[in-house]
Structure formats: structure tokens, C-alpha cells
């Protein structure tokens, strides 16, 4: 099964200071995960933290046990590709909010 970033992760607006302590990636290897993420939302001017679409999945990440598919996705992406996926996810979140 292929892991798809925007089907599994969602940004949460955190204001201008951010909130890394709320991020579900905080207990994972920073070089593999955080460095490849974008946590600044250019559309709103706010920082975001990341959580999972399915709330229960965040618990596994917080325990430092990401699914193998997620690890493979991050390992196979460059920093630019990871950040582009995060940026695209934030754009979709704004579009979904506008449509409500």
C-alpha cells in the first residue's frame, strides 16, 4: 500500500509562534521528518503543526512508531519534494475551508 501525504496528514493553524509541542511528528527523527516539512503557511501568514487525518494514527507517531509506508515516503523524497507536498496540503486545507 502506498502512503500518500495529503491523505494522511493535515495542518492545524498554530498562530505566529507555532506549536511544535502539539505536532504529531515531534518524537520522530527530525532529520528524516521535520526537516522535510514546511510549517509556515504562506496563505495565512501563520505557522502550522501537523496531525493525522485519522486521529488515532497520531498516537503511533507520538510513540515514535511511524508506519513503514510513511518512513518509505519520507525516505524517498528530497527536502524540496517534502516541502512541496506540505505546501500543497496547506493550500487544499484553505480551499476546503473556503468551500464550507
PDB file of N, CA and C in Angstrom:
ATOM      1  N   UNK A   1       0.843  -1.181   0.000  1.00  0.00           N
ATOM      2  CA  UNK A   1       0.000   0.000   0.000  1.00  0.00           C
ATOM      3  C   UNK A   1       0.890   1.245   0.000  1.00  0.00           C
ATOM      4  N   UNK A   2       0.590   2.194  -0.851  1.00  0.00           N
ATOM      5  CA  UNK A   2       1.333   3.439  -0.916  1.00  0.00           C
ATOM      6  C   UNK A   2       0.775   4.430   0.090  1.00  0.00           C
ATOM      7  N   UNK A   3       1.672   5.096   0.765  1.00  0.00           N
ATOM      8  CA  UNK A   3       1.304   6.129   1.734  1.00  0.00           C
ATOM      9  C   UNK A   3       1.278   7.449   0.985  1.00  0.00           C
ATOM     10  N   UNK A   4       0.208   8.213   1.108  1.00  0.00           N
ATOM     11  CA  UNK A   4       0.059   9.488   0.415  1.00  0.00           C
ATOM     12  C   UNK A   4      -0.029  10.588   1.465  1.00  0.00           C
ATOM     13  N   UNK A   5       0.851  11.587   1.354  1.00  0.00           N
ATOM     14  CA  UNK A   5       0.962  12.623   2.368  1.00  0.00           C
ATOM     15  C   UNK A   5      -0.373  13.287   2.663  1.00  0.00           C
ATOM     16  N   UNK A   6      -1.019  13.852   1.656  1.00  0.00           N
ATOM     17  CA  UNK A   6      -2.221  14.647   1.924  1.00  0.00           C
ATOM     18  C   UNK A   6      -3.444  13.810   2.273  1.00  0.00           C
ATOM     19  N   UNK A   7      -3.374  12.502   2.123  1.00  0.00           N
ATOM     20  CA  UNK A   7      -4.465  11.642   2.581  1.00  0.00           C
ATOM     21  C   UNK A   7      -4.288  11.233   4.043  1.00  0.00           C
ATOM     22  N   UNK A   8      -3.097  11.455   4.578  1.00  0.00           N
ATOM     23  CA  UNK A   8      -2.785  11.010   5.933  1.00  0.00           C
ATOM     24  C   UNK A   8      -2.459  12.129   6.913  1.00  0.00           C
ATOM     25  N   UNK A   9      -2.019  13.265   6.414  1.00  0.00           N
ATOM     26  CA  UNK A   9      -1.597  14.363   7.280  1.00  0.00           C
ATOM     27  C   UNK A   9      -2.456  15.594   7.035  1.00  0.00           C
ATOM     28  N   UNK A  10      -2.635  16.393   8.092  1.00  0.00           N
ATOM     29  CA  UNK A  10      -3.366  17.650   7.918  1.00  0.00           C
ATOM     30  C   UNK A  10      -2.726  18.727   8.784  1.00  0.00           C
ATOM     31  N   UNK A  11      -2.700  19.948   8.265  1.00  0.00           N
ATOM     32  CA  UNK A  11      -2.128  21.064   9.022  1.00  0.00           C
ATOM     33  C   UNK A  11      -3.164  21.662   9.961  1.00  0.00           C
ATOM     34  N   UNK A  12      -2.688  22.158  11.089  1.00  0.00           N
ATOM     35  CA  UNK A  12      -3.537  22.838  12.059  1.00  0.00           C
ATOM     36  C   UNK A  12      -2.918  24.210  12.295  1.00  0.00           C
ATOM     37  N   UNK A  13      -3.699  25.262  12.104  1.00  0.00           N
ATOM     38  CA  UNK A  13      -3.198  26.619  12.302  1.00  0.00           C
ATOM     39  C   UNK A  13      -2.730  26.796  13.747  1.00  0.00           C
ATOM     40  N   UNK A  14      -1.528  27.362  13.905  1.00  0.00           N
ATOM     41  CA  UNK A  14      -0.950  27.497  15.238  1.00  0.00           C
ATOM     42  C   UNK A  14      -0.619  28.936  15.598  1.00  0.00           C
ATOM     43  N   UNK A  15      -0.941  29.885  14.739  1.00  0.00           N
ATOM     44  CA  UNK A  15      -0.624  31.279  15.030  1.00  0.00           C
ATOM     45  C   UNK A  15       0.806  31.622  14.673  1.00  0.00           C
ATOM     46  N   UNK A  16       1.210  32.819  15.020  1.00  0.00           N
ATOM     47  CA  UNK A  16       2.512  33.293  14.550  1.00  0.00           C
ATOM     48  C   UNK A  16       3.686  32.623  15.245  1.00  0.00           C
ATOM     49  N   UNK A  17       3.492  32.026  16.419  1.00  0.00           N
ATOM     50  CA  UNK A  17       4.614  31.430  17.141  1.00  0.00           C
ATOM     51  C   UNK A  17       4.771  29.942  16.872  1.00  0.00           C
ATOM     52  N   UNK A  18       3.773  29.327  16.293  1.00  0.00           N
ATOM     53  CA  UNK A  18       3.855  27.892  16.039  1.00  0.00           C
ATOM     54  C   UNK A  18       3.542  27.087  17.285  1.00  0.00           C
ATOM     55  N   UNK A  19       3.605  25.761  17.150  1.00  0.00           N
ATOM     56  CA  UNK A  19       3.303  24.889  18.280  1.00  0.00           C
ATOM     57  C   UNK A  19       3.889  23.503  18.024  1.00  0.00           C
ATOM     58  N   UNK A  20       5.202  23.419  17.993  1.00  0.00           N
ATOM     59  CA  UNK A  20       5.866  22.137  17.748  1.00  0.00           C
ATOM     60  C   UNK A  20       5.494  21.090  18.794  1.00  0.00           C
ATOM     61  N   UNK A  21       5.168  21.507  20.002  1.00  0.00           N
ATOM     62  CA  UNK A  21       4.827  20.538  21.041  1.00  0.00           C
ATOM     63  C   UNK A  21       3.500  19.840  20.769  1.00  0.00           C
ATOM     64  N   UNK A  22       2.683  20.380  19.886  1.00  0.00           N
ATOM     65  CA  UNK A  22       1.421  19.733  19.526  1.00  0.00           C
ATOM     66  C   UNK A  22       1.561  18.861  18.280  1.00  0.00           C
ATOM     67  N   UNK A  23       2.675  18.969  17.580  1.00  0.00           N
ATOM     68  CA  UNK A  23       2.862  18.258  16.311  1.00  0.00           C
ATOM     69  C   UNK A  23       3.030  16.763  16.547  1.00  0.00           C
ATOM     70  N   UNK A  24       2.375  15.954  15.744  1.00  0.00           N
ATOM     71  CA  UNK A  24       2.464  14.504  15.892  1.00  0.00           C
ATOM     72  C   UNK A  24       3.819  13.961  15.443  1.00  0.00           C
ATOM     73  N   UNK A  25       4.631  14.782  14.794  1.00  0.00           N
ATOM     74  CA  UNK A  25       5.955  14.344  14.344  1.00  0.00           C
ATOM     75  C   UNK A  25       7.051  14.662  15.358  1.00  0.00           C
ATOM     76  N   UNK A  26       6.713  15.269  16.461  1.00  0.00           N
ATOM     77  CA  UNK A  26       7.719  15.801  17.383  1.00  0.00           C
ATOM     78  C   UNK A  26       8.648  14.753  17.980  1.00  0.00           C
ATOM     79  N   UNK A  27       8.223  13.514  18.077  1.00  0.00           N
ATOM     80  CA  UNK A  27       9.056  12.472  18.673  1.00  0.00           C
ATOM     81  C   UNK A  27       9.789  11.616  17.650  1.00  0.00           C
ATOM     82  N   UNK A  28       9.695  12.008  16.383  1.00  0.00           N
ATOM     83  CA  UNK A  28      10.356  11.254  15.319  1.00  0.00           C
ATOM     84  C   UNK A  28      11.686  11.907  14.957  1.00  0.00           C
ATOM     85  N   UNK A  29      12.469  11.220  14.190  1.00  0.00           N
ATOM     86  CA  UNK A  29      13.770  11.716  13.738  1.00  0.00           C
ATOM     87  C   UNK A  29      13.597  13.034  12.992  1.00  0.00           C
ATOM     88  N   UNK A  30      14.147  14.100  13.522  1.00  0.00           N
ATOM     89  CA  UNK A  30      13.961  15.434  12.936  1.00  0.00           C
ATOM     90  C   UNK A  30      14.558  15.545  11.538  1.00  0.00           C
ATOM     91  N   UNK A  31      15.706  14.912  11.329  1.00  0.00           N
ATOM     92  CA  UNK A  31      16.329  14.990  10.008  1.00  0.00           C
ATOM     93  C   UNK A  31      15.476  14.309   8.947  1.00  0.00           C
ATOM     94  N   UNK A  32      14.842  13.218   9.308  1.00  0.00           N
ATOM     95  CA  UNK A  32      14.033  12.490   8.341  1.00  0.00           C
ATOM     96  C   UNK A  32      12.675  13.146   8.109  1.00  0.00           C
ATOM     97  N   UNK A  33      12.078  13.682   9.154  1.00  0.00           N
ATOM     98  CA  UNK A  33      10.707  14.175   9.051  1.00  0.00           C
ATOM     99  C   UNK A  33      10.612  15.703   9.082  1.00  0.00           C
ATOM    100  N   UNK A  34      10.957  16.318  10.184  1.00  0.00           N
ATOM    101  CA  UNK A  34      10.754  17.765  10.346  1.00  0.00           C
ATOM    102  C   UNK A  34      11.495  18.587   9.297  1.00  0.00           C
ATOM    103  N   UNK A  35      12.702  18.208   8.999  1.00  0.00           N
ATOM    104  CA  UNK A  35      13.496  18.976   8.036  1.00  0.00           C
ATOM    105  C   UNK A  35      12.862  18.973   6.641  1.00  0.00           C
ATOM    106  N   UNK A  36      12.097  17.939   6.342  1.00  0.00           N
ATOM    107  CA  UNK A  36      11.461  17.835   5.035  1.00  0.00           C
ATOM    108  C   UNK A  36      10.063  18.435   5.008  1.00  0.00           C
ATOM    109  N   UNK A  37       9.656  19.028   6.118  1.00  0.00           N
ATOM    110  CA  UNK A  37       8.308  19.591   6.208  1.00  0.00           C
ATOM    111  C   UNK A  37       8.354  21.100   6.090  1.00  0.00           C
ATOM    112  N   UNK A  38       7.225  21.653   5.794  1.00  0.00           N
ATOM    113  CA  UNK A  38       7.044  23.099   5.841  1.00  0.00           C
ATOM    114  C   UNK A  38       6.004  23.359   6.918  1.00  0.00           C
ATOM    115  N   UNK A  39       6.342  24.260   7.821  1.00  0.00           N
ATOM    116  CA  UNK A  39       5.441  24.545   8.934  1.00  0.00           C
ATOM    117  C   UNK A  39       4.989  25.997   8.930  1.00  0.00           C
ATOM    118  N   UNK A  40       5.234  26.682   7.829  1.00  0.00           N
ATOM    119  CA  UNK A  40       4.789  28.065   7.694  1.00  0.00           C
ATOM    120  C   UNK A  40       3.807  28.126   6.536  1.00  0.00           C
ATOM    121  N   UNK A  41       2.623  28.601   6.821  1.00  0.00           N
ATOM    122  CA  UNK A  41       1.560  28.705   5.823  1.00  0.00           C
ATOM    123  C   UNK A  41       1.591  30.104   5.216  1.00  0.00           C
ATOM    124  N   UNK A  42       2.067  30.189   3.990  1.00  0.00           N
ATOM    125  CA  UNK A  42       2.197  31.492   3.331  1.00  0.00           C
ATOM    126  C   UNK A  42       0.853  32.150   3.056  1.00  0.00           C
ATOM    127  N   UNK A  43      -0.195  31.359   2.905  1.00  0.00           N
ATOM    128  CA  UNK A  43      -1.508  31.935   2.609  1.00  0.00           C
ATOM    129  C   UNK A  43      -2.097  32.671   3.812  1.00  0.00           C
ATOM    130  N   UNK A  44      -1.925  32.116   5.009  1.00  0.00           N
ATOM    131  CA  UNK A  44      -2.492  32.743   6.204  1.00  0.00           C
ATOM    132  C   UNK A  44      -1.467  33.589   6.952  1.00  0.00           C
ATOM    133  N   UNK A  45      -0.188  33.330   6.707  1.00  0.00           N
ATOM    134  CA  UNK A  45       0.861  34.019   7.447  1.00  0.00           C
ATOM    135  C   UNK A  45       1.090  33.421   8.826  1.00  0.00           C
ATOM    136  N   UNK A  46       0.500  32.273   9.077  1.00  0.00           N
ATOM    137  CA  UNK A  46       0.646  31.596  10.366  1.00  0.00           C
ATOM    138  C   UNK A  46       1.514  30.359  10.227  1.00  0.00           C
ATOM    139  N   UNK A  47       2.028  29.918  11.351  1.00  0.00           N
ATOM    140  CA  UNK A  47       2.684  28.622  11.402  1.00  0.00           C
ATOM    141  C   UNK A  47       1.620  27.561  11.602  1.00  0.00           C
ATOM    142  N   UNK A  48       1.964  26.339  11.274  1.00  0.00           N
ATOM    143  CA  UNK A  48       1.064  25.212  11.477  1.00  0.00           C
ATOM    144  C   UNK A  48       1.823  24.119  12.219  1.00  0.00           C
ATOM    145  N   UNK A  49       1.066  23.232  12.826  1.00  0.00           N
ATOM    146  CA  UNK A  49       1.642  21.970  13.270  1.00  0.00           C
ATOM    147  C   UNK A  49       0.870  20.878  12.544  1.00  0.00           C
ATOM    148  N   UNK A  50       1.427  19.695  12.530  1.00  0.00           N
ATOM    149  CA  UNK A  50       0.842  18.608  11.750  1.00  0.00           C
ATOM    150  C   UNK A  50       0.218  17.559  12.652  1.00  0.00           C
ATOM    151  N   UNK A  51      -0.903  17.034  12.187  1.00  0.00           N
ATOM    152  CA  UNK A  51      -1.560  15.916  12.848  1.00  0.00           C
ATOM    153  C   UNK A  51      -2.013  14.950  11.762  1.00  0.00           C
ATOM    154  N   UNK A  52      -2.587  13.853  12.153  1.00  0.00           N
ATOM    155  CA  UNK A  52      -3.030  12.869  11.174  1.00  0.00           C
ATOM    156  C   UNK A  52      -4.506  13.067  10.857  1.00  0.00           C
ATOM    157  N   UNK A  53      -4.889  12.667   9.681  1.00  0.00           N
ATOM    158  CA  UNK A  53      -6.292  12.755   9.271  1.00  0.00           C
ATOM    159  C   UNK A  53      -7.129  11.846  10.172  1.00  0.00           C
ATOM    160  N   UNK A  54      -6.667  10.631  10.376  1.00  0.00           N
ATOM    161  CA  UNK A  54      -7.319   9.698  11.299  1.00  0.00           C
ATOM    162  C   UNK A  54      -6.679   9.921  12.664  1.00  0.00           C
ATOM    163  N   UNK A  55      -7.444  10.442  13.603  1.00  0.00           N
ATOM    164  CA  UNK A  55      -6.895  10.882  14.878  1.00  0.00           C
ATOM    165  C   UNK A  55      -6.108   9.803  15.614  1.00  0.00           C
ATOM    166  N   UNK A  56      -6.547   8.586  15.602  1.00  0.00           N
ATOM    167  CA  UNK A  56      -5.854   7.516  16.310  1.00  0.00           C
ATOM    168  C   UNK A  56      -4.462   7.232  15.782  1.00  0.00           C
ATOM    169  N   UNK A  57      -4.192   7.560  14.528  1.00  0.00           N
ATOM    170  CA  UNK A  57      -2.880   7.297  13.955  1.00  0.00           C
ATOM    171  C   UNK A  57      -1.789   8.182  14.557  1.00  0.00           C
ATOM    172  N   UNK A  58      -2.148   9.345  15.057  1.00  0.00           N
ATOM    173  CA  UNK A  58      -1.166  10.250  15.660  1.00  0.00           C
ATOM    174  C   UNK A  58      -0.528   9.619  16.884  1.00  0.00           C
ATOM    175  N   UNK A  59      -1.262   8.787  17.594  1.00  0.00           N
ATOM    176  CA  UNK A  59      -0.726   8.139  18.801  1.00  0.00           C
ATOM    177  C   UNK A  59       0.503   7.302  18.483  1.00  0.00           C
ATOM    178  N   UNK A  60       0.452   6.573  17.370  1.00  0.00           N
ATOM    179  CA  UNK A  60       1.596   5.743  16.978  1.00  0.00           C
ATOM    180  C   UNK A  60       2.813   6.611  16.664  1.00  0.00           C
ATOM    181  N   UNK A  61       2.577   7.737  16.017  1.00  0.00           N
ATOM    182  CA  UNK A  61       3.675   8.646  15.704  1.00  0.00           C
ATOM    183  C   UNK A  61       4.265   9.239  16.978  1.00  0.00           C
ATOM    184  N   UNK A  62       3.410   9.614  17.915  1.00  0.00           N
ATOM    185  CA  UNK A  62       3.889  10.172  19.174  1.00  0.00           C
ATOM    186  C   UNK A  62       4.685   9.156  19.984  1.00  0.00           C
ATOM    187  N   UNK A  63       4.409   7.881  19.785  1.00  0.00           N
ATOM    188  CA  UNK A  63       5.165   6.836  20.462  1.00  0.00           C
ATOM    189  C   UNK A  63       6.442   6.495  19.695  1.00  0.00           C
ATOM    190  N   UNK A  64       6.697   7.248  18.607  1.00  0.00           N
ATOM    191  CA  UNK A  64       7.921   7.033  17.828  1.00  0.00           C
ATOM    192  C   UNK A  64       7.862   5.843  16.907  1.00  0.00           C
ATOM    193  N   UNK A  65       6.646   5.434  16.529  1.00  0.00           N
ATOM    194  CA  UNK A  65       6.474   4.259  15.680  1.00  0.00           C
ATOM    195  C   UNK A  65       5.677   4.595  14.419  1.00  0.00           C
ATOM    196  N   UNK A  66       6.301   5.300  13.473  1.00  0.00           N
ATOM    197  CA  UNK A  66       5.590   5.600  12.226  1.00  0.00           C
ATOM    198  C   UNK A  66       5.420   4.337  11.387  1.00  0.00           C
ATOM    199  N   UNK A  67       4.366   4.262  10.591  1.00  0.00           N
ATOM    200  CA  UNK A  67       4.194   3.098   9.720  1.00  0.00           C
ATOM    201  C   UNK A  67       5.313   3.045   8.676  1.00  0.00           C
ATOM    202  N   UNK A  68       5.671   1.839   8.288  1.00  0.00           N
ATOM    203  CA  UNK A  68       6.765   1.649   7.325  1.00  0.00           C
ATOM    204  C   UNK A  68       6.504   2.410   6.026  1.00  0.00           C
ATOM    205  N   UNK A  69       5.244   2.476   5.596  1.00  0.00           N
ATOM    206  CA  UNK A  69       4.916   3.185   4.357  1.00  0.00           C
ATOM    207  C   UNK A  69       5.238   4.669   4.467  1.00  0.00           C
ATOM    208  N   UNK A  70       4.998   5.242   5.641  1.00  0.00           N
ATOM    209  CA  UNK A  70       5.291   6.658   5.863  1.00  0.00           C
ATOM    210  C   UNK A  70       6.807   6.886   5.844  1.00  0.00           C
ATOM    211  N   UNK A  71       7.544   6.027   6.516  1.00  0.00           N
ATOM    212  CA  UNK A  71       9.007   6.125   6.522  1.00  0.00           C
ATOM    213  C   UNK A  71       9.539   6.034   5.099  1.00  0.00           C
ATOM    214  N   UNK A  72       9.018   5.093   4.318  1.00  0.00           N
ATOM    215  CA  UNK A  72       9.449   4.949   2.922  1.00  0.00           C
ATOM    216  C   UNK A  72       9.143   6.200   2.116  1.00  0.00           C
ATOM    217  N   UNK A  73       7.969   6.799   2.358  1.00  0.00           N
ATOM    218  CA  UNK A  73       7.596   8.020   1.623  1.00  0.00           C
ATOM    219  C   UNK A  73       8.599   9.125   1.927  1.00  0.00           C
ATOM    220  N   UNK A  74       8.879   9.370   3.200  1.00  0.00           N
ATOM    221  CA  UNK A  74       9.816  10.429   3.570  1.00  0.00           C
ATOM    222  C   UNK A  74      11.230  10.116   3.093  1.00  0.00           C
ATOM    223  N   UNK A  75      11.656   8.862   3.179  1.00  0.00           N
ATOM    224  CA  UNK A  75      13.000   8.493   2.724  1.00  0.00           C
ATOM    225  C   UNK A  75      13.184   8.687   1.228  1.00  0.00           C
ATOM    226  N   UNK A  76      12.122   8.536   0.479  1.00  0.00           N
ATOM    227  CA  UNK A  76      12.230   8.624  -0.976  1.00  0.00           C
ATOM    228  C   UNK A  76      11.991  10.036  -1.508  1.00  0.00           C
ATOM    229  N   UNK A  77      11.824  11.009  -0.627  1.00  0.00           N
ATOM    230  CA  UNK A  77      11.572  12.397  -1.040  1.00  0.00           C
ATOM    231  C   UNK A  77      12.749  13.281  -0.654  1.00  0.00           C
ATOM    232  N   UNK A  78      13.050  14.219  -1.524  1.00  0.00           N
ATOM    233  CA  UNK A  78      14.035  15.239  -1.194  1.00  0.00           C
ATOM    234  C   UNK A  78      13.379  16.274  -0.279  1.00  0.00           C
ATOM    235  N   UNK A  79      14.179  17.149   0.286  1.00  0.00           N
ATOM    236  CA  UNK A  79      13.635  18.222   1.121  1.00  0.00           C
ATOM    237  C   UNK A  79      12.638  19.050   0.319  1.00  0.00           C
ATOM    238  N   UNK A  80      12.980  19.374  -0.919  1.00  0.00           N
ATOM    239  CA  UNK A  80      12.096  20.185  -1.759  1.00  0.00           C
ATOM    240  C   UNK A  80      10.782  19.475  -2.044  1.00  0.00           C
ATOM    241  N   UNK A  81      10.828  18.173  -2.301  1.00  0.00           N
ATOM    242  CA  UNK A  81       9.605  17.417  -2.572  1.00  0.00           C
ATOM    243  C   UNK A  81       8.725  17.314  -1.329  1.00  0.00           C
ATOM    244  N   UNK A  82       9.339  17.101  -0.185  1.00  0.00           N
ATOM    245  CA  UNK A  82       8.576  17.033   1.064  1.00  0.00           C
ATOM    246  C   UNK A  82       7.907  18.356   1.368  1.00  0.00           C
ATOM    247  N   UNK A  83       8.645  19.440   1.204  1.00  0.00           N
ATOM    248  CA  UNK A  83       8.085  20.759   1.471  1.00  0.00           C
ATOM    249  C   UNK A  83       7.005  21.123   0.457  1.00  0.00           C
ATOM    250  N   UNK A  84       7.177  20.700  -0.778  1.00  0.00           N
ATOM    251  CA  UNK A  84       6.149  20.957  -1.791  1.00  0.00           C
ATOM    252  C   UNK A  84       4.860  20.213  -1.446  1.00  0.00           C
ATOM    253  N   UNK A  85       4.976  18.986  -0.964  1.00  0.00           N
ATOM    254  CA  UNK A  85       3.786  18.215  -0.565  1.00  0.00           C
ATOM    255  C   UNK A  85       3.086  18.887   0.611  1.00  0.00           C
ATOM    256  N   UNK A  86       3.865  19.386   1.582  1.00  0.00           N
ATOM    257  CA  UNK A  86       3.277  20.072   2.734  1.00  0.00           C
ATOM    258  C   UNK A  86       2.580  21.354   2.301  1.00  0.00           C
ATOM    259  N   UNK A  87       3.213  22.108   1.410  1.00  0.00           N
ATOM    260  CA  UNK A  87       2.620  23.347   0.910  1.00  0.00           C
ATOM    261  C   UNK A  87       1.313  23.065   0.178  1.00  0.00           C
ATOM    262  N   UNK A  88       1.305  22.043  -0.638  1.00  0.00           N
ATOM    263  CA  UNK A  88       0.096  21.676  -1.381  1.00  0.00           C
ATOM    264  C   UNK A  88      -1.017  21.255  -0.419  1.00  0.00           C
ATOM    265  N   UNK A  89      -0.664  20.558   0.630  1.00  0.00           N
ATOM    266  CA  UNK A  89      -1.640  20.140   1.634  1.00  0.00           C
ATOM    267  C   UNK A  89      -2.250  21.356   2.330  1.00  0.00           C
ATOM    268  N   UNK A  90      -1.427  22.357   2.626  1.00  0.00           N
ATOM    269  CA  UNK A  90      -1.939  23.581   3.252  1.00  0.00           C
ATOM    270  C   UNK A  90      -2.874  24.324   2.306  1.00  0.00           C
ATOM    271  N   UNK A  91      -2.537  24.359   1.025  1.00  0.00           N
ATOM    272  CA  UNK A  91      -3.408  25.019   0.047  1.00  0.00           C
ATOM    273  C   UNK A  91      -4.767  24.339  -0.017  1.00  0.00           C
ATOM    274  N   UNK A  92      -4.763  23.010  -0.024  1.00  0.00           N
ATOM    275  CA  UNK A  92      -6.029  22.268  -0.055  1.00  0.00           C
ATOM    276  C   UNK A  92      -6.850  22.518   1.203  1.00  0.00           C
ATOM    277  N   UNK A  93      -6.189  22.639   2.334  1.00  0.00           N
ATOM    278  CA  UNK A  93      -6.897  22.911   3.575  1.00  0.00           C
ATOM    279  C   UNK A  93      -7.599  24.259   3.499  1.00  0.00           C
ATOM    280  N   UNK A  94      -6.935  25.255   2.904  1.00  0.00           N
ATOM    281  CA  UNK A  94      -7.564  26.579   2.737  1.00  0.00           C
ATOM    282  C   UNK A  94      -8.746  26.494   1.779  1.00  0.00           C
ATOM    283  N   UNK A  95      -8.579  25.770   0.686  1.00  0.00           N
ATOM    284  CA  UNK A  95      -9.675  25.621  -0.285  1.00  0.00           C
ATOM    285  C   UNK A  95     -10.876  24.951   0.355  1.00  0.00           C
ATOM    286  N   UNK A  96     -10.633  23.920   1.153  1.00  0.00           N
ATOM    287  CA  UNK A  96     -11.725  23.218   1.834  1.00  0.00           C
ATOM    288  C   UNK A  96     -12.424  24.131   2.838  1.00  0.00           C
ATOM    289  N   UNK A  97     -11.664  24.983   3.510  1.00  0.00           N
ATOM    290  CA  UNK A  97     -12.232  25.914   4.477  1.00  0.00           C
ATOM    291  C   UNK A  97     -13.103  26.956   3.782  1.00  0.00           C
ATOM    292  N   UNK A  98     -12.659  27.417   2.634  1.00  0.00           N
ATOM    293  CA  UNK A  98     -13.417  28.410   1.869  1.00  0.00           C
ATOM    294  C   UNK A  98     -14.744  27.832   1.382  1.00  0.00           C
ATOM    295  N   UNK A  99     -14.741  26.564   1.018  1.00  0.00           N
ATOM    296  CA  UNK A  99     -15.953  25.923   0.481  1.00  0.00           C
ATOM    297  C   UNK A  99     -17.002  25.653   1.547  1.00  0.00           C
ATOM    298  N   UNK A 100     -16.632  25.696   2.819  1.00  0.00           N
ATOM    299  CA  UNK A 100     -17.610  25.394   3.889  1.00  0.00           C
ATOM    300  C   UNK A 100     -18.623  26.496   4.036  1.00  0.00           C
TER     301      UNK A 100
END
